Protein backbone atom coordinates (compact mmCIF):
# COMPACT_ATOMS: atom_id res chain seq x y z
CA UNK A 1 0.45 0.21 -0.01
CA UNK A 2 1.17 3.96 -0.41
CA UNK A 3 2.12 4.83 3.07
CA UNK A 4 -0.06 7.75 2.87
CA UNK A 5 -2.90 5.40 2.43
CA UNK A 6 -1.80 3.53 5.34
CA UNK A 7 -1.75 6.35 7.44
CA UNK A 8 -4.93 7.71 6.69
CA UNK A 9 -6.69 3.81 6.91
CA UNK A 10 -4.92 2.95 9.84
CA UNK A 11 -8.32 2.47 12.49
CA UNK A 12 -8.69 1.06 15.77
CA UNK A 13 -10.12 -2.48 15.18
CA UNK A 14 -11.77 -3.51 18.28
CA UNK A 15 -13.71 -6.23 16.18
CA UNK A 16 -11.81 -9.06 14.28
CA UNK A 17 -12.64 -12.40 12.26
CA UNK A 18 -11.55 -15.87 13.24
CA UNK A 19 -8.61 -15.85 10.78
CA UNK A 20 -5.41 -16.57 12.43
CA UNK A 21 -2.33 -14.46 12.52
CA UNK A 22 0.26 -16.55 10.78
CA UNK A 23 3.74 -16.32 12.98
CA UNK A 24 5.46 -15.35 9.40
CA UNK A 25 3.06 -12.43 8.83
CA UNK A 26 4.07 -11.02 12.75
CA UNK A 27 7.66 -11.87 12.21
CA UNK A 28 7.54 -9.49 9.17
CA UNK A 29 5.61 -6.97 10.70
CA UNK A 30 8.15 -6.83 13.37
CA UNK A 31 10.73 -7.22 11.39
CA UNK A 32 9.86 -3.75 9.59
CA UNK A 33 8.54 -2.13 12.71
CA UNK A 34 11.97 -2.58 14.08
CA UNK A 35 13.30 0.53 12.39
CA UNK A 36 11.44 2.89 14.51
CA UNK A 37 13.22 5.31 15.99
CA UNK A 38 14.31 5.81 20.15
CA UNK A 39 16.38 7.78 22.44
CA UNK A 40 20.02 7.34 22.02
CA UNK A 41 18.93 4.22 19.50
CA UNK A 42 18.79 2.54 22.58
CA UNK A 43 15.57 0.37 21.43
CA UNK A 44 14.48 -0.73 24.96
CA UNK A 45 11.64 -2.45 23.26
CA UNK A 46 10.07 -5.82 24.20
CA UNK A 47 6.98 -7.24 22.64
CA UNK A 48 5.22 -10.43 24.15
CA UNK A 49 2.84 -12.45 21.61
CA UNK A 50 0.39 -13.69 23.62
CA UNK A 51 -2.08 -16.61 21.93
CA UNK A 52 -3.09 -18.60 24.88
CA UNK A 53 -6.37 -17.72 26.16
CA UNK A 54 -5.99 -17.88 29.51
CA UNK A 55 -3.80 -15.31 29.54
CA UNK A 56 -6.15 -12.73 26.91
CA UNK A 57 -8.67 -13.50 29.96
CA UNK A 58 -6.52 -12.16 32.52
CA UNK A 59 -5.58 -9.07 30.79
CA UNK A 60 -9.45 -8.30 29.87
CA UNK A 61 -9.82 -8.62 33.74
CA UNK A 62 -7.03 -6.45 34.59
CA UNK A 63 -8.60 -3.90 32.24
CA UNK A 64 -12.34 -3.64 34.02
CA UNK A 65 -10.91 -1.69 37.08
CA UNK A 66 -9.84 1.36 34.23
CA UNK A 67 -12.42 0.68 31.68
CA UNK A 68 -14.87 1.26 34.64
CA UNK A 69 -13.82 4.21 35.55
CA UNK A 70 -13.58 5.47 31.74
CA UNK A 71 -16.89 4.52 31.22
CA UNK A 72 -18.67 6.22 34.19
CA UNK A 73 -16.26 9.45 33.58
CA UNK A 74 -17.72 9.61 29.67
CA UNK A 75 -21.18 9.12 31.44
CA UNK A 76 -20.65 11.96 33.24
CA UNK A 77 -19.37 14.74 30.52
CA UNK A 78 -15.63 14.40 31.67
CA UNK A 79 -12.41 13.51 30.11
CA UNK A 80 -11.55 10.01 31.47
CA UNK A 81 -8.23 9.70 33.28
CA UNK A 82 -7.37 13.27 32.84
CA UNK A 83 -4.48 14.86 34.80
CA UNK A 84 -5.10 18.28 34.95
CA UNK A 85 -8.70 17.89 35.83
CA UNK A 86 -10.16 15.66 37.86
CA UNK A 87 -12.76 13.45 38.37
CA UNK A 88 -15.93 14.86 40.64
CA UNK A 89 -17.25 11.14 40.29
CA UNK A 90 -17.27 9.27 43.74
CA UNK A 91 -15.54 5.42 44.15
CA UNK A 92 -18.98 4.60 44.81
CA UNK A 93 -20.48 6.15 41.59
CA UNK A 94 -17.58 4.59 39.51
CA UNK A 95 -17.83 1.40 41.10
CA UNK A 96 -21.84 1.35 39.96
CA UNK A 97 -20.80 1.77 36.31
CA UNK A 98 -21.15 -1.20 33.73
CA UNK A 99 -18.05 -2.00 31.97
CA UNK A 100 -18.84 -1.73 27.87
CA UNK A 101 -17.59 -5.10 26.35
CA UNK A 102 -16.23 -2.91 23.85
CA UNK A 103 -13.44 -2.07 26.07
CA UNK A 104 -12.59 -5.61 27.13
CA UNK A 105 -13.78 -8.01 25.30
CA UNK A 106 -10.99 -7.08 22.18
CA UNK A 107 -8.79 -8.75 24.65
CA UNK A 108 -10.42 -12.18 24.35
CA UNK A 109 -11.51 -12.04 20.91
CA UNK A 110 -8.58 -10.94 19.03
CA UNK A 111 -6.38 -13.65 17.70
CA UNK A 112 -3.16 -12.27 18.98
CA UNK A 113 -1.83 -9.80 22.01
CA UNK A 114 1.19 -7.59 22.07
CA UNK A 115 2.29 -6.59 25.09
CA UNK A 116 4.78 -3.73 24.00
CA UNK A 117 7.22 -3.17 27.03
CA UNK A 118 9.81 -0.95 27.56
CA UNK A 119 12.99 -0.86 29.51
CA UNK A 120 12.99 1.74 31.36
CA UNK A 121 16.81 1.84 32.85
CA UNK A 122 17.55 2.53 29.22
CA UNK A 123 14.75 5.48 28.78
CA UNK A 124 15.79 9.06 28.97
CA UNK A 125 12.56 10.72 30.64
CA UNK A 126 13.55 13.98 30.15
CA UNK A 127 10.84 15.74 32.09
CA UNK A 128 11.00 13.39 35.23
CA UNK A 129 11.62 16.41 37.23
CA UNK A 130 8.56 18.78 36.23
CA UNK A 131 5.69 18.77 38.26
CA UNK A 132 3.33 16.76 36.03
CA UNK A 133 2.94 13.58 34.76
CA UNK A 134 5.91 12.62 32.39
CA UNK A 135 5.32 11.95 28.87
CA UNK A 136 8.82 11.83 27.37
CA UNK A 137 9.57 8.27 27.67
CA UNK A 138 7.08 7.80 25.44
CA UNK A 139 9.40 9.03 22.64
CA UNK A 140 11.00 5.91 22.82
CA UNK A 141 8.52 3.56 22.57
CA UNK A 142 5.11 4.73 20.91
CA UNK A 143 6.59 5.20 17.24
CA UNK A 144 7.62 1.14 17.79
CA UNK A 145 4.00 0.69 19.18
CA UNK A 146 2.59 2.36 16.09
CA UNK A 147 4.98 1.11 13.28
CA UNK A 148 3.71 -2.22 14.36
CA UNK A 149 0.00 -0.97 13.84
CA UNK A 150 0.94 0.71 10.46
CA UNK A 151 3.01 -2.57 9.19
CA UNK A 152 -0.40 -4.52 10.33
CA UNK A 153 -2.58 -2.41 8.27
CA UNK A 154 0.01 -2.89 5.13
CA UNK A 155 -1.00 -6.54 5.56
CA UNK A 156 -4.67 -6.28 5.67
CA UNK A 157 -4.84 -6.70 9.51
CA UNK A 158 -5.39 -4.08 11.89
CA UNK A 159 -5.59 -3.28 15.81
CA UNK A 160 -5.92 -1.08 18.72
CA UNK A 161 -2.99 0.40 20.77
CA UNK A 162 -4.75 -0.20 24.03
CA UNK A 163 -3.88 1.13 27.78
CA UNK A 164 -6.72 0.02 29.79
CA UNK A 165 -4.67 -3.35 31.50
CA UNK A 166 -1.72 -0.90 32.73
CA UNK A 167 -3.89 0.64 35.36
CA UNK A 168 -3.29 -2.89 37.07
CA UNK A 169 0.75 -3.10 35.79
CA UNK A 170 1.37 -5.12 39.00
CA UNK A 171 -1.05 -7.14 37.96
CA UNK A 172 0.64 -7.61 34.13
CA UNK A 173 4.34 -8.03 35.67
CA UNK A 174 3.00 -10.96 37.61
CA UNK A 175 0.98 -12.74 34.68
CA UNK A 176 4.01 -12.15 31.97
CA UNK A 177 6.78 -12.13 34.24
CA UNK A 178 7.90 -8.51 33.97
CA UNK A 179 11.28 -7.45 35.80
CA UNK A 180 10.61 -4.31 37.82
CA UNK A 181 12.30 -2.11 35.71
CA UNK A 182 10.23 -2.97 32.51
CA UNK A 183 6.73 -1.16 31.91
CA UNK A 184 4.11 -2.11 29.88
CA UNK A 185 3.36 0.83 27.19
CA UNK A 186 0.45 -0.64 25.49
CA UNK A 187 -1.38 -4.03 24.60
CA UNK A 188 -1.91 -4.04 21.49
CA UNK A 189 -5.17 -6.26 20.31
CA UNK A 190 -3.94 -7.97 16.35
CA UNK A 191 -6.32 -9.51 13.74
CA UNK A 192 -8.59 -9.56 10.64
CA UNK A 193 -10.52 -6.54 11.14
CA UNK A 194 -14.49 -7.39 10.75
CA UNK A 195 -14.76 -4.43 8.35
CA UNK A 196 -12.01 -1.89 7.36
CA UNK A 197 -13.06 1.56 7.39
CA UNK A 198 -11.73 3.70 4.80
CA UNK A 199 -12.56 7.50 6.06
CA UNK A 200 -11.63 8.46 8.99
CA UNK A 201 -12.77 11.64 10.94
CA UNK A 202 -9.90 13.47 11.98
CA UNK A 203 -9.24 17.26 13.15
CA UNK A 204 -7.92 20.00 9.99
CA UNK A 205 -4.63 20.65 9.70
CA UNK A 206 -5.89 24.38 10.69
CA UNK A 207 -7.13 22.96 13.98
CA UNK A 208 -4.37 22.17 15.73
CA UNK A 209 -1.32 23.92 13.64
CA UNK A 210 -0.13 27.58 14.57
CA UNK A 211 2.42 29.41 13.55
CA UNK A 212 5.56 30.44 15.92
CA UNK A 213 3.40 30.41 18.89
CA UNK A 214 0.70 28.22 20.45
CA UNK A 215 -1.76 31.31 19.95
CA UNK A 216 -0.47 32.29 16.47
CA UNK A 217 -2.24 32.26 13.54
CA UNK A 218 -3.55 28.87 12.11
CA UNK A 219 -1.16 27.29 9.76
CA UNK A 220 -3.09 26.89 6.25
CA UNK A 221 -3.13 25.58 2.99
CA UNK A 222 -0.73 26.92 0.59
CA UNK A 223 -2.45 28.97 -2.74
């Protein structure tokens, strides 16, 4: 596929056919995704390939607490899990919220899960001393994770870069035998999409790109 076509049609697939993801295809995806950049070219990623139903079910269970809060906040008109605006919901309100199956069942139903992990002992966390949640470490792992999904799209597959189970990372560390210095960046659900979207809804460039300053004039399409 043309690169721009891949970028414009790689949607978040959450429903899959029963078709398996062959080892040869998965190897080809990782073989190409590994050329992603990382800080100092340290390549601190590790990928755990999960097909065992019991392990997939355990990951789905680990996602439930975060998914419950996510659903409760959405229903209340909040931005879920936001670090700037805290939730106004009580623990009791969150606990009473049903968990939408779309937030947990893909872990059980996807033909394969990829636990994409990062070795924190080799990552440069440049923003570690700032008074906010750190995000700089992600620069050394999420380009690789997104490369996986772009390569999957090129192979006619799809998936979602999910984070719900990460809220229960100690459970994942025990389940997947992770050492303490290795963090889970995402659990990618992967398979052949039950349907393929070709038109994605995204904001136009003018809505997010400005010139010189945050409050500068919008960057517009050249005449």
